Amino acid sequence: MKCLRFRLETPYLVNFRKPFSTISILSYPFPPYTTIRGLLANALGLKVDNYSLQEKFEISLKPLSVAERTQDMVLMKKLKPPANAKKIKELMEKLDESGLSELTDKEKKLYEQLKKPQSTSAPFVKEFITPIVCSVYVLGEEKDLNELKQALENPARPLYVGASDDFVVIYDMKIVDAVETKSDEIDSIVRINGEVQPIDRKRIVGRIPYKFKAINVKKRDYSREDVVVTAPEPNERLKLNNAMECYDVEGEYVAF
């Protein structure tokens, strides 16, 4: 197998939001699997609901820095659907059948309201982490990896992780061999289970988003699959209780 390896760096403070955090928007210490896939999808110019990368590539990463944490108060503004959704549905059906000229004065007033997006705003405590550096590994077929490498060098859309204004710097990018092997010491993050656990339980990061599964594509209804991961400290290998299948990527043992 082949592996595309590159360094990823965030030049500013960033938040990799934990999806289950609400009033306090907490952050992971590194970008989750789904965030990296989103970065690759932007580079390739894929649609938001295109999850083909999940089948084409396996992803892993290695933290190269320790993120310090800070908190700040932010004002979040969210769009919300109108309360009278049933009346709006009836209005839209009438518009499709008869056109704007056949609407009553009351319906025209409702139609004018639809042109103005409804929103709510509220203060939140948002956690930020200091700029991070990590190695990203993408496992796949050489042809697909070459296409991805070219896309990362000349992306179809701006590259970011976290929020849309959290831009990244990508460098030291190359395609290398990935040789299957087994080891109980791993350089990358690891998805743990009943058989594979870290010797140092403090290295368990917790539950992070892994991939999405389509329930109803037409309605854009998807479920999220989470996994529990453990991560090594920078410049150290993660010691496990059992050897696990992994890949030797230029002397680094990477679990996908």
C-alpha atoms as a PDB file:
ATOM      1  CA  MET A   1       0.000   0.000   0.000  1.00  0.00           C
ATOM      2  CA  LYS A   2       0.945   3.644  -0.379  1.00  0.00           C
ATOM      3  CA  CYS A   3       0.568   6.465   2.128  1.00  0.00           C
ATOM      4  CA  LEU A   4       0.351  10.216   1.603  1.00  0.00           C
ATOM      5  CA  ARG A   5       2.070  11.874   4.546  1.00  0.00           C
ATOM      6  CA  PHE A   6       2.087  15.605   5.273  1.00  0.00           C
ATOM      7  CA  ARG A   7       2.506  18.070   8.103  1.00  0.00           C
ATOM      8  CA  LEU A   8      -0.480  20.147   9.138  1.00  0.00           C
ATOM      9  CA  GLU A   9      -0.123  23.341  11.162  1.00  0.00           C
ATOM     10  CA  THR A  10      -2.675  25.831  12.462  1.00  0.00           C
ATOM     11  CA  PRO A  11      -1.117  29.323  12.599  1.00  0.00           C
ATOM     12  CA  TYR A  12      -3.675  30.748  15.058  1.00  0.00           C
ATOM     13  CA  LEU A  13      -5.872  29.739  17.982  1.00  0.00           C
ATOM     14  CA  VAL A  14      -8.367  27.086  16.917  1.00  0.00           C
ATOM     15  CA  ASN A  15     -11.329  25.072  18.210  1.00  0.00           C
ATOM     16  CA  PHE A  16     -11.986  21.466  17.161  1.00  0.00           C
ATOM     17  CA  ARG A  17     -15.473  21.386  18.632  1.00  0.00           C
ATOM     18  CA  LYS A  18     -16.650  18.422  20.651  1.00  0.00           C
ATOM     19  CA  PRO A  19     -20.137  17.847  19.168  1.00  0.00           C
ATOM     20  CA  PHE A  20     -21.698  16.963  22.519  1.00  0.00           C
ATOM     21  CA  SER A  21     -20.597  20.254  24.169  1.00  0.00           C
ATOM     22  CA  THR A  22     -23.292  22.965  24.238  1.00  0.00           C
ATOM     23  CA  ILE A  23     -23.077  26.012  26.509  1.00  0.00           C
ATOM     24  CA  SER A  24     -19.317  25.562  26.842  1.00  0.00           C
ATOM     25  CA  ILE A  25     -17.929  24.741  23.396  1.00  0.00           C
ATOM     26  CA  LEU A  26     -15.023  22.434  24.223  1.00  0.00           C
ATOM     27  CA  SER A  27     -12.195  21.454  21.886  1.00  0.00           C
ATOM     28  CA  TYR A  28     -10.266  18.294  21.071  1.00  0.00           C
ATOM     29  CA  PRO A  29      -6.448  18.616  21.236  1.00  0.00           C
ATOM     30  CA  PHE A  30      -6.153  17.697  17.526  1.00  0.00           C
ATOM     31  CA  PRO A  31      -8.508  17.529  14.512  1.00  0.00           C
ATOM     32  CA  PRO A  32     -10.786  14.439  14.526  1.00  0.00           C
ATOM     33  CA  TYR A  33     -11.052  12.013  11.612  1.00  0.00           C
ATOM     34  CA  THR A  34     -14.126  13.770  10.196  1.00  0.00           C
ATOM     35  CA  THR A  35     -12.367  17.146  10.290  1.00  0.00           C
ATOM     36  CA  ILE A  36      -9.411  15.792   8.307  1.00  0.00           C
ATOM     37  CA  ARG A  37     -11.814  14.229   5.791  1.00  0.00           C
ATOM     38  CA  GLY A  38     -13.523  17.612   5.456  1.00  0.00           C
ATOM     39  CA  LEU A  39     -10.145  19.197   4.720  1.00  0.00           C
ATOM     40  CA  LEU A  40      -9.481  16.628   1.970  1.00  0.00           C
ATOM     41  CA  ALA A  41     -12.996  17.076   0.545  1.00  0.00           C
ATOM     42  CA  ASN A  42     -12.424  20.845   0.290  1.00  0.00           C
ATOM     43  CA  ALA A  43      -9.166  20.257  -1.556  1.00  0.00           C
ATOM     44  CA  LEU A  44     -10.920  17.969  -4.056  1.00  0.00           C
ATOM     45  CA  GLY A  45     -13.943  20.263  -4.363  1.00  0.00           C
ATOM     46  CA  LEU A  46     -16.426  17.605  -3.231  1.00  0.00           C
ATOM     47  CA  LYS A  47     -19.953  18.452  -2.086  1.00  0.00           C
ATOM     48  CA  VAL A  48     -20.691  18.714   1.623  1.00  0.00           C
ATOM     49  CA  ASP A  49     -22.740  15.497   1.641  1.00  0.00           C
ATOM     50  CA  ASN A  50     -20.253  13.495  -0.442  1.00  0.00           C
ATOM     51  CA  TYR A  51     -18.722  10.890   1.870  1.00  0.00           C
ATOM     52  CA  SER A  52     -16.934   8.822  -0.774  1.00  0.00           C
ATOM     53  CA  LEU A  53     -13.576   9.592   0.880  1.00  0.00           C
ATOM     54  CA  GLN A  54     -14.575   7.317   3.766  1.00  0.00           C
ATOM     55  CA  GLU A  55     -14.452   4.310   1.460  1.00  0.00           C
ATOM     56  CA  LYS A  56     -11.416   5.426  -0.550  1.00  0.00           C
ATOM     57  CA  PHE A  57      -8.965   6.477   2.172  1.00  0.00           C
ATOM     58  CA  GLU A  58      -7.986   5.474   5.710  1.00  0.00           C
ATOM     59  CA  ILE A  59      -6.768   8.342   7.898  1.00  0.00           C
ATOM     60  CA  SER A  60      -4.539   8.667  10.934  1.00  0.00           C
ATOM     61  CA  LEU A  61      -2.418  11.378  12.551  1.00  0.00           C
ATOM     62  CA  LYS A  62       0.450  11.910  14.948  1.00  0.00           C
ATOM     63  CA  PRO A  63       0.467  14.905  17.348  1.00  0.00           C
ATOM     64  CA  LEU A  64       3.745  16.833  17.189  1.00  0.00           C
ATOM     65  CA  SER A  65       2.939  19.509  19.772  1.00  0.00           C
ATOM     66  CA  VAL A  66       1.104  19.909  23.060  1.00  0.00           C
ATOM     67  CA  ALA A  67      -1.888  22.237  22.850  1.00  0.00           C
ATOM     68  CA  GLU A  68      -2.432  24.741  25.645  1.00  0.00           C
ATOM     69  CA  ARG A  69      -6.039  25.669  26.387  1.00  0.00           C
ATOM     70  CA  THR A  70      -7.758  28.999  26.943  1.00  0.00           C
ATOM     71  CA  GLN A  71     -11.387  30.158  27.061  1.00  0.00           C
ATOM     72  CA  ASP A  72     -13.221  33.213  25.788  1.00  0.00           C
ATOM     73  CA  MET A  73     -16.797  34.484  25.638  1.00  0.00           C
ATOM     74  CA  VAL A  74     -18.223  34.526  22.116  1.00  0.00           C
ATOM     75  CA  LEU A  75     -21.559  35.533  20.629  1.00  0.00           C
ATOM     76  CA  MET A  76     -22.996  32.747  18.477  1.00  0.00           C
ATOM     77  CA  LYS A  77     -25.673  33.534  15.896  1.00  0.00           C
ATOM     78  CA  LYS A  78     -27.757  30.653  14.589  1.00  0.00           C
ATOM     79  CA  LEU A  79     -30.397  30.537  11.868  1.00  0.00           C
ATOM     80  CA  LYS A  80     -33.623  28.842  12.919  1.00  0.00           C
ATOM     81  CA  PRO A  81     -36.646  27.562  10.984  1.00  0.00           C
ATOM     82  CA  PRO A  82     -39.866  29.593  11.391  1.00  0.00           C
ATOM     83  CA  ALA A  83     -42.509  28.354  13.820  1.00  0.00           C
ATOM     84  CA  ASN A  84     -45.352  28.369  11.246  1.00  0.00           C
ATOM     85  CA  ALA A  85     -43.738  25.725   9.029  1.00  0.00           C
ATOM     86  CA  LYS A  86     -47.090  24.189   8.025  1.00  0.00           C
ATOM     87  CA  LYS A  87     -48.440  27.480   6.672  1.00  0.00           C
ATOM     88  CA  ILE A  88     -45.213  28.058   4.783  1.00  0.00           C
ATOM     89  CA  LYS A  89     -45.461  24.621   3.163  1.00  0.00           C
ATOM     90  CA  GLU A  90     -49.011  25.376   2.013  1.00  0.00           C
ATOM     91  CA  LEU A  91     -47.847  28.757   0.724  1.00  0.00           C
ATOM     92  CA  MET A  92     -45.032  27.242  -1.321  1.00  0.00           C
ATOM     93  CA  GLU A  93     -47.367  24.644  -2.820  1.00  0.00           C
ATOM     94  CA  LYS A  94     -49.766  27.416  -3.859  1.00  0.00           C
ATOM     95  CA  LEU A  95     -46.875  29.367  -5.376  1.00  0.00           C
ATOM     96  CA  ASP A  96     -45.877  26.356  -7.452  1.00  0.00           C
ATOM     97  CA  GLU A  97     -49.433  25.884  -8.726  1.00  0.00           C
ATOM     98  CA  SER A  98     -50.712  29.438  -9.233  1.00  0.00           C
ATOM     99  CA  GLY A  99     -47.842  31.900  -8.927  1.00  0.00           C
ATOM    100  CA  LEU A 100     -47.371  35.021  -6.828  1.00  0.00           C
ATOM    101  CA  SER A 101     -50.329  36.921  -8.331  1.00  0.00           C
ATOM    102  CA  GLU A 102     -52.886  34.479  -6.839  1.00  0.00           C
ATOM    103  CA  LEU A 103     -51.769  34.932  -3.223  1.00  0.00           C
ATOM    104  CA  THR A 104     -54.016  36.709  -0.712  1.00  0.00           C
ATOM    105  CA  ASP A 105     -52.767  39.795   1.121  1.00  0.00           C
ATOM    106  CA  LYS A 106     -52.093  37.653   4.214  1.00  0.00           C
ATOM    107  CA  GLU A 107     -50.143  35.127   2.170  1.00  0.00           C
ATOM    108  CA  LYS A 108     -48.130  37.880   0.488  1.00  0.00           C
ATOM    109  CA  LYS A 109     -47.200  39.243   3.903  1.00  0.00           C
ATOM    110  CA  LEU A 110     -46.001  35.792   4.945  1.00  0.00           C
ATOM    111  CA  TYR A 111     -44.066  35.502   1.698  1.00  0.00           C
ATOM    112  CA  GLU A 112     -42.268  38.788   2.426  1.00  0.00           C
ATOM    113  CA  GLN A 113     -41.314  37.488   5.888  1.00  0.00           C
ATOM    114  CA  LEU A 114     -39.666  34.459   4.269  1.00  0.00           C
ATOM    115  CA  LYS A 115     -37.147  36.729   2.559  1.00  0.00           C
ATOM    116  CA  LYS A 116     -35.721  37.713   5.944  1.00  0.00           C
ATOM    117  CA  PRO A 117     -33.686  34.934   7.658  1.00  0.00           C
ATOM    118  CA  GLN A 118     -34.707  34.354  11.251  1.00  0.00           C
ATOM    119  CA  SER A 119     -31.904  33.946  13.748  1.00  0.00           C
ATOM    120  CA  THR A 120     -31.097  33.770  17.418  1.00  0.00           C
ATOM    121  CA  SER A 121     -27.972  34.862  19.216  1.00  0.00           C
ATOM    122  CA  ALA A 122     -26.589  33.923  22.637  1.00  0.00           C
ATOM    123  CA  PRO A 123     -23.244  34.134  24.464  1.00  0.00           C
ATOM    124  CA  PHE A 124     -21.190  30.959  24.815  1.00  0.00           C
ATOM    125  CA  VAL A 125     -17.947  30.071  26.511  1.00  0.00           C
ATOM    126  CA  LYS A 126     -15.657  28.787  23.747  1.00  0.00           C
ATOM    127  CA  GLU A 127     -12.476  26.882  24.405  1.00  0.00           C
ATOM    128  CA  PHE A 128      -9.496  27.588  22.158  1.00  0.00           C
ATOM    129  CA  ILE A 129      -6.246  25.684  21.857  1.00  0.00           C
ATOM    130  CA  THR A 130      -2.914  27.156  20.886  1.00  0.00           C
ATOM    131  CA  PRO A 131      -1.558  26.511  17.372  1.00  0.00           C
ATOM    132  CA  ILE A 132      -0.883  22.817  16.810  1.00  0.00           C
ATOM    133  CA  VAL A 133       1.316  20.769  14.504  1.00  0.00           C
ATOM    134  CA  CYS A 134       0.670  17.158  13.521  1.00  0.00           C
ATOM    135  CA  SER A 135       1.583  14.609  10.885  1.00  0.00           C
ATOM    136  CA  VAL A 136      -1.354  13.356   8.830  1.00  0.00           C
ATOM    137  CA  TYR A 137      -1.323   9.960   7.115  1.00  0.00           C
ATOM    138  CA  VAL A 138      -3.707   8.982   4.318  1.00  0.00           C
ATOM    139  CA  LEU A 139      -3.674   5.330   3.228  1.00  0.00           C
ATOM    140  CA  GLY A 140      -4.981   4.384  -0.217  1.00  0.00           C
ATOM    141  CA  GLU A 141      -4.249   3.455  -3.816  1.00  0.00           C
ATOM    142  CA  GLU A 142      -1.331   5.296  -5.419  1.00  0.00           C
ATOM    143  CA  LYS A 143      -3.461   6.750  -8.237  1.00  0.00           C
ATOM    144  CA  ASP A 144      -5.976   8.218  -5.777  1.00  0.00           C
ATOM    145  CA  LEU A 145      -3.200   9.542  -3.532  1.00  0.00           C
ATOM    146  CA  ASN A 146      -1.507  11.300  -6.452  1.00  0.00           C
ATOM    147  CA  GLU A 147      -4.813  12.999  -7.281  1.00  0.00           C
ATOM    148  CA  LEU A 148      -5.237  14.009  -3.638  1.00  0.00           C
ATOM    149  CA  LYS A 149      -1.666  15.349  -3.419  1.00  0.00           C
ATOM    150  CA  GLN A 150      -2.242  17.531  -6.480  1.00  0.00           C
ATOM    151  CA  ALA A 151      -5.513  18.780  -4.976  1.00  0.00           C
ATOM    152  CA  LEU A 152      -3.803  19.715  -1.698  1.00  0.00           C
ATOM    153  CA  GLU A 153      -1.152  21.609  -3.670  1.00  0.00           C
ATOM    154  CA  ASN A 154      -3.846  23.412  -5.721  1.00  0.00           C
ATOM    155  CA  PRO A 155      -7.078  23.113  -3.710  1.00  0.00           C
ATOM    156  CA  ALA A 156     -10.499  23.633  -5.273  1.00  0.00           C
ATOM    157  CA  ARG A 157     -11.627  25.490  -2.138  1.00  0.00           C
ATOM    158  CA  PRO A 158      -9.754  27.178   0.745  1.00  0.00           C
ATOM    159  CA  LEU A 159      -8.304  24.689   3.228  1.00  0.00           C
ATOM    160  CA  TYR A 160      -9.367  24.977   6.856  1.00  0.00           C
ATOM    161  CA  VAL A 161      -9.963  22.876   9.939  1.00  0.00           C
ATOM    162  CA  GLY A 162     -12.426  23.653  12.721  1.00  0.00           C
ATOM    163  CA  ALA A 163     -14.298  26.802  11.695  1.00  0.00           C
ATOM    164  CA  SER A 164     -14.299  28.163   8.134  1.00  0.00           C
ATOM    165  CA  ASP A 165     -11.802  30.909   9.056  1.00  0.00           C
ATOM    166  CA  ASP A 166      -9.338  28.527  10.762  1.00  0.00           C
ATOM    167  CA  PHE A 167      -6.914  28.201   7.882  1.00  0.00           C
ATOM    168  CA  VAL A 168      -4.061  25.698   7.875  1.00  0.00           C
ATOM    169  CA  VAL A 169      -0.544  25.390   6.543  1.00  0.00           C
ATOM    170  CA  ILE A 170       0.347  22.105   4.805  1.00  0.00           C
ATOM    171  CA  TYR A 171       3.937  21.191   3.985  1.00  0.00           C
ATOM    172  CA  ASP A 172       6.464  18.320   3.757  1.00  0.00           C
ATOM    173  CA  MET A 173       4.016  16.345   1.619  1.00  0.00           C
ATOM    174  CA  LYS A 174       5.047  13.107  -0.106  1.00  0.00           C
ATOM    175  CA  ILE A 175       3.798   9.652  -1.038  1.00  0.00           C
ATOM    176  CA  VAL A 176       5.694   6.795   0.630  1.00  0.00           C
ATOM    177  CA  ASP A 177       5.438   3.032   1.085  1.00  0.00           C
ATOM    178  CA  ALA A 178       3.254   1.610   3.860  1.00  0.00           C
ATOM    179  CA  VAL A 179       4.199  -1.932   4.917  1.00  0.00           C
ATOM    180  CA  GLU A 180       1.813  -4.042   6.998  1.00  0.00           C
ATOM    181  CA  THR A 181       3.213  -5.144  10.350  1.00  0.00           C
ATOM    182  CA  LYS A 182       2.308  -5.557  14.041  1.00  0.00           C
ATOM    183  CA  SER A 183       3.563  -3.642  17.042  1.00  0.00           C
ATOM    184  CA  ASP A 184       2.653  -2.839  20.645  1.00  0.00           C
ATOM    185  CA  GLU A 185       4.265   0.609  20.329  1.00  0.00           C
ATOM    186  CA  ILE A 186       2.511   3.047  17.983  1.00  0.00           C
ATOM    187  CA  ASP A 187       3.478   6.538  16.781  1.00  0.00           C
ATOM    188  CA  SER A 188      -0.058   7.653  15.840  1.00  0.00           C
ATOM    189  CA  ILE A 189      -3.472   7.892  17.469  1.00  0.00           C
ATOM    190  CA  VAL A 190      -5.175   4.523  18.004  1.00  0.00           C
ATOM    191  CA  ARG A 191      -8.806   3.460  18.063  1.00  0.00           C
ATOM    192  CA  ILE A 192      -9.054   1.357  21.212  1.00  0.00           C
ATOM    193  CA  ASN A 193     -11.332  -1.585  22.007  1.00  0.00           C
ATOM    194  CA  GLY A 194     -11.578  -4.464  24.466  1.00  0.00           C
ATOM    195  CA  GLU A 195      -8.344  -6.009  23.217  1.00  0.00           C
ATOM    196  CA  VAL A 196      -6.173  -2.947  22.599  1.00  0.00           C
ATOM    197  CA  GLN A 197      -5.661  -0.477  25.442  1.00  0.00           C
ATOM    198  CA  PRO A 198      -2.859   1.971  26.322  1.00  0.00           C
ATOM    199  CA  ILE A 199      -0.612   1.066  29.245  1.00  0.00           C
ATOM    200  CA  ASP A 200      -0.948   4.651  30.490  1.00  0.00           C
ATOM    201  CA  ARG A 201      -4.692   5.250  30.805  1.00  0.00           C
ATOM    202  CA  LYS A 202      -4.077   9.007  30.942  1.00  0.00           C
ATOM    203  CA  ARG A 203      -3.345   8.884  27.208  1.00  0.00           C
ATOM    204  CA  ILE A 204      -7.004   8.134  26.399  1.00  0.00           C
ATOM    205  CA  VAL A 205      -8.409  11.215  24.646  1.00  0.00           C
ATOM    206  CA  GLY A 206     -12.047  10.061  24.664  1.00  0.00           C
ATOM    207  CA  ARG A 207     -14.816   9.728  22.105  1.00  0.00           C
ATOM    208  CA  ILE A 208     -14.277  11.551  18.791  1.00  0.00           C
ATOM    209  CA  PRO A 209     -16.193  11.645  15.461  1.00  0.00           C
ATOM    210  CA  TYR A 210     -14.965   8.983  13.036  1.00  0.00           C
ATOM    211  CA  LYS A 211     -17.290   8.863  10.005  1.00  0.00           C
ATOM    212  CA  PHE A 212     -20.860   9.504   8.809  1.00  0.00           C
ATOM    213  CA  LYS A 213     -23.438   6.981   7.636  1.00  0.00           C
ATOM    214  CA  ALA A 214     -26.275   7.874   5.270  1.00  0.00           C
ATOM    215  CA  ILE A 215     -29.822   7.248   6.558  1.00  0.00           C
ATOM    216  CA  ASN A 216     -31.751   9.197   3.898  1.00  0.00           C
ATOM    217  CA  VAL A 217     -29.583  10.938   1.294  1.00  0.00           C
ATOM    218  CA  LYS A 218     -32.471  12.918  -0.263  1.00  0.00           C
ATOM    219  CA  LYS A 219     -33.317  14.459   3.110  1.00  0.00           C
ATOM    220  CA  ARG A 220     -29.615  14.873   3.966  1.00  0.00           C
ATOM    221  CA  ASP A 221     -30.152  12.704   7.023  1.00  0.00           C
ATOM    222  CA  TYR A 222     -26.948  11.128   8.355  1.00  0.00           C
ATOM    223  CA  SER A 223     -25.817   9.485  11.566  1.00  0.00           C
ATOM    224  CA  ARG A 224     -22.366   9.948  13.073  1.00  0.00           C
ATOM    225  CA  GLU A 225     -20.131   7.098  14.183  1.00  0.00           C
ATOM    226  CA  ASP A 226     -17.814   7.886  17.096  1.00  0.00           C
ATOM    227  CA  VAL A 227     -14.740   5.997  18.320  1.00  0.00           C
ATOM    228  CA  VAL A 228     -12.646   6.159  21.488  1.00  0.00           C
ATOM    229  CA  VAL A 229      -9.011   6.994  20.774  1.00  0.00           C
ATOM    230  CA  THR A 230      -5.755   7.219  22.624  1.00  0.00           C
ATOM    231  CA  ALA A 231      -2.819   9.377  21.528  1.00  0.00           C
ATOM    232  CA  PRO A 232       0.945   9.388  22.137  1.00  0.00           C
ATOM    233  CA  GLU A 233       2.787  12.323  23.593  1.00  0.00           C
ATOM    234  CA  PRO A 234       4.875  14.276  21.059  1.00  0.00           C
ATOM    235  CA  ASN A 235       8.169  12.536  20.202  1.00  0.00           C
ATOM    236  CA  GLU A 236       7.138   9.393  22.092  1.00  0.00           C
ATOM    237  CA  ARG A 237       5.522   6.119  21.110  1.00  0.00           C
ATOM    238  CA  LEU A 238       2.242   4.958  22.578  1.00  0.00           C
ATOM    239  CA  LYS A 239       2.712   1.721  24.535  1.00  0.00           C
ATOM    240  CA  LEU A 240      -0.175  -0.764  24.273  1.00  0.00           C
ATOM    241  CA  ASN A 241      -1.095  -3.852  26.268  1.00  0.00           C
ATOM    242  CA  ASN A 242      -1.145  -5.973  23.083  1.00  0.00           C
ATOM    243  CA  ALA A 243       0.473  -5.815  19.654  1.00  0.00           C
ATOM    244  CA  MET A 244      -1.908  -4.614  16.949  1.00  0.00           C
ATOM    245  CA  GLU A 245      -1.958  -4.536  13.161  1.00  0.00           C
ATOM    246  CA  CYS A 246      -0.469  -1.320  11.812  1.00  0.00           C
ATOM    247  CA  TYR A 247       1.725   0.015   8.991  1.00  0.00           C
ATOM    248  CA  ASP A 248       5.409   0.840   8.922  1.00  0.00           C
ATOM    249  CA  VAL A 249       5.590   4.283   7.281  1.00  0.00           C
ATOM    250  CA  GLU A 250       9.251   5.238   6.967  1.00  0.00           C
ATOM    251  CA  GLY A 251      10.065   3.823  10.405  1.00  0.00           C
ATOM    252  CA  GLU A 252       6.911   5.113  12.100  1.00  0.00           C
ATOM    253  CA  TYR A 253       4.245   2.661  13.234  1.00  0.00           C
ATOM    254  CA  VAL A 254       0.881   4.076  12.182  1.00  0.00           C
ATOM    255  CA  ALA A 255      -2.535   2.662  13.107  1.00  0.00           C
ATOM    256  CA  PHE A 256      -5.468   3.335  10.756  1.00  0.00           C
END
